[in-house]
């Protein structure tokens, strides 16, 4: 009787071992967030420069962006000769009053040179009445008109 119990225990033990050996290990994907944050940190001056260039003709103050808050997305594609970076951001003025949604693409070569490939303004957002004075141009009856200075 004892030998029978021993065989069952060994059989059960072998079954458990085979079960665990055949299970594939699940490895977590490395966290890209620190790398994306590094890329955003290094590109921040170029991103701000692009925002300044676009909004200089639209607003009397230059909007800023918050690279590490909601409102800025980054997509990084790594290649052997360069890195492609797509940034979508929501520039704001004052106490985080969104002025628009913008997308830009950069290429960073292996020497660290940054080339701006594209800047797209996707959408305007309306400012509240107490911030209307910073708008340089307004839409009147579907036409853009320069704001008159008083």
Protein backbone atom coordinates (compact mmCIF):
# COMPACT_ATOMS: atom_id res chain seq x y z
CA UNK A 1 0.00 0.00 0.00
CA UNK A 2 2.83 2.35 0.85
CA UNK A 3 4.50 1.77 -2.55
CA UNK A 4 1.22 2.64 -4.29
CA UNK A 5 0.96 5.94 -2.40
CA UNK A 6 4.59 6.68 -3.25
CA UNK A 7 3.94 6.07 -6.97
CA UNK A 8 0.88 8.37 -6.85
CA UNK A 9 2.93 11.11 -5.15
CA UNK A 10 5.71 10.77 -7.72
CA UNK A 11 3.17 10.76 -10.55
CA UNK A 12 1.48 13.86 -9.12
CA UNK A 13 4.84 15.56 -8.64
CA UNK A 14 5.86 14.78 -12.25
CA UNK A 15 2.53 16.09 -13.52
CA UNK A 16 3.00 19.35 -11.61
CA UNK A 17 6.59 19.70 -12.88
CA UNK A 18 5.55 19.05 -16.50
CA UNK A 19 2.69 21.53 -16.11
CA UNK A 20 4.99 24.29 -14.87
CA UNK A 21 7.70 23.55 -17.44
CA UNK A 22 5.25 23.82 -20.35
CA UNK A 23 3.83 27.15 -19.19
CA UNK A 24 5.53 29.95 -21.09
CA UNK A 25 7.01 32.70 -19.03
CA UNK A 26 5.35 36.05 -19.52
CA UNK A 27 7.86 38.85 -19.55
CA UNK A 28 6.73 42.39 -19.03
CA UNK A 29 7.50 44.81 -21.85
CA UNK A 30 10.20 47.25 -20.78
CA UNK A 31 8.76 50.55 -19.64
CA UNK A 32 9.33 53.17 -22.36
CA UNK A 33 8.07 56.04 -20.20
CA UNK A 34 11.53 57.09 -18.90
CA UNK A 35 12.87 57.11 -22.48
CA UNK A 36 9.90 59.11 -23.75
CA UNK A 37 10.34 61.56 -20.89
CA UNK A 38 14.02 61.94 -21.77
CA UNK A 39 13.17 62.59 -25.43
CA UNK A 40 10.54 65.18 -24.45
CA UNK A 41 12.96 66.87 -22.07
CA UNK A 42 15.63 67.16 -24.75
CA UNK A 43 13.13 68.28 -27.43
CA UNK A 44 11.35 70.81 -25.18
CA UNK A 45 13.25 73.84 -26.58
CA UNK A 46 12.54 72.77 -30.19
CA UNK A 47 8.88 72.09 -29.39
CA UNK A 48 8.54 75.51 -27.74
CA UNK A 49 10.28 77.13 -30.72
CA UNK A 50 7.73 75.57 -33.10
CA UNK A 51 4.83 76.69 -30.91
CA UNK A 52 6.26 80.23 -30.80
CA UNK A 53 6.63 80.34 -34.60
CA UNK A 54 3.04 79.27 -35.20
CA UNK A 55 1.29 81.40 -32.59
CA UNK A 56 3.28 84.64 -33.06
CA UNK A 57 0.84 85.74 -35.75
CA UNK A 58 -2.21 84.58 -33.78
CA UNK A 59 -1.66 85.72 -30.19
CA UNK A 60 0.09 88.58 -28.41
CA UNK A 61 1.58 86.15 -25.88
CA UNK A 62 3.34 82.94 -26.71
CA UNK A 63 1.65 79.82 -25.36
CA UNK A 64 3.66 77.20 -23.56
CA UNK A 65 3.21 73.46 -23.20
CA UNK A 66 3.45 71.02 -20.33
CA UNK A 67 5.55 68.08 -21.48
CA UNK A 68 4.78 65.89 -18.47
CA UNK A 69 1.14 66.64 -17.82
CA UNK A 70 -1.87 65.39 -19.72
CA UNK A 71 -2.03 67.12 -23.05
CA UNK A 72 1.31 66.03 -24.52
CA UNK A 73 1.69 62.67 -26.23
CA UNK A 74 4.89 61.35 -27.72
CA UNK A 75 5.50 58.45 -30.06
CA UNK A 76 9.11 57.40 -30.55
CA UNK A 77 10.31 55.11 -33.33
CA UNK A 78 13.88 53.92 -33.04
CA UNK A 79 15.96 53.20 -36.16
CA UNK A 80 19.62 52.29 -36.43
CA UNK A 81 20.51 55.65 -38.01
CA UNK A 82 18.02 57.99 -36.37
CA UNK A 83 15.01 58.41 -34.10
CA UNK A 84 11.62 59.63 -35.36
CA UNK A 85 9.54 61.47 -32.80
CA UNK A 86 5.88 62.45 -33.19
CA UNK A 87 4.65 64.91 -30.57
CA UNK A 88 1.04 65.97 -30.10
CA UNK A 89 0.57 68.78 -27.63
CA UNK A 90 -1.99 71.25 -26.36
CA UNK A 91 -0.34 74.65 -25.90
CA UNK A 92 -1.87 76.91 -23.27
CA UNK A 93 -1.75 80.43 -21.89
CA UNK A 94 -2.25 81.69 -18.36
CA UNK A 95 -3.68 79.20 -15.89
CA UNK A 96 -3.68 76.33 -18.43
CA UNK A 97 -6.20 77.79 -20.88
CA UNK A 98 -5.82 75.59 -23.95
CA UNK A 99 -5.40 77.53 -27.19
CA UNK A 100 -5.05 74.69 -29.67
CA UNK A 101 -3.97 71.20 -30.54
CA UNK A 102 -0.76 70.82 -32.51
CA UNK A 103 1.27 67.96 -33.92
CA UNK A 104 4.92 68.00 -34.89
CA UNK A 105 7.45 65.49 -36.15
CA UNK A 106 11.18 65.50 -35.51
CA UNK A 107 14.09 63.39 -36.70
CA UNK A 108 17.11 63.04 -34.43
CA UNK A 109 20.23 61.61 -36.05
CA UNK A 110 22.92 59.70 -34.21
CA UNK A 111 25.03 62.84 -33.76
CA UNK A 112 22.17 64.53 -31.89
CA UNK A 113 21.05 66.87 -34.69
CA UNK A 114 17.34 67.62 -34.56
CA UNK A 115 15.44 68.28 -37.77
CA UNK A 116 11.85 69.52 -37.72
CA UNK A 117 10.02 67.48 -40.33
CA UNK A 118 6.49 68.78 -39.90
CA UNK A 119 4.28 71.07 -37.85
CA UNK A 120 0.50 70.77 -38.09
CA UNK A 121 -2.00 72.93 -36.30
CA UNK A 122 -4.96 70.63 -35.81
CA UNK A 123 -7.51 72.68 -33.92
CA UNK A 124 -8.15 76.03 -32.21
CA UNK A 125 -9.80 76.29 -28.82
CA UNK A 126 -11.84 79.28 -27.72
CA UNK A 127 -10.45 81.42 -24.95
CA UNK A 128 -12.71 82.77 -22.22
CA UNK A 129 -13.94 86.39 -22.58
CA UNK A 130 -11.36 87.79 -20.15
CA UNK A 131 -8.54 86.39 -22.36
CA UNK A 132 -9.89 87.56 -25.74
CA UNK A 133 -7.56 90.59 -25.76
CA UNK A 134 -4.53 88.39 -26.56
CA UNK A 135 -6.02 87.28 -29.89
CA UNK A 136 -4.43 89.14 -32.83
CA UNK A 137 -6.95 88.04 -35.44
CA UNK A 138 -10.63 87.29 -35.10
CA UNK A 139 -13.21 85.61 -37.27
CA UNK A 140 -16.00 87.94 -38.27
CA UNK A 141 -18.67 86.55 -40.58
CA UNK A 142 -16.32 83.73 -41.56
CA UNK A 143 -13.46 86.14 -42.47
CA UNK A 144 -10.27 86.73 -40.51
CA UNK A 145 -9.79 90.34 -39.50
CA UNK A 146 -6.90 91.99 -37.74
CA UNK A 147 -7.74 93.19 -34.25
CA UNK A 148 -7.64 96.95 -34.21
CA UNK A 149 -5.31 98.55 -31.68
CA UNK A 150 -6.82 101.28 -29.52
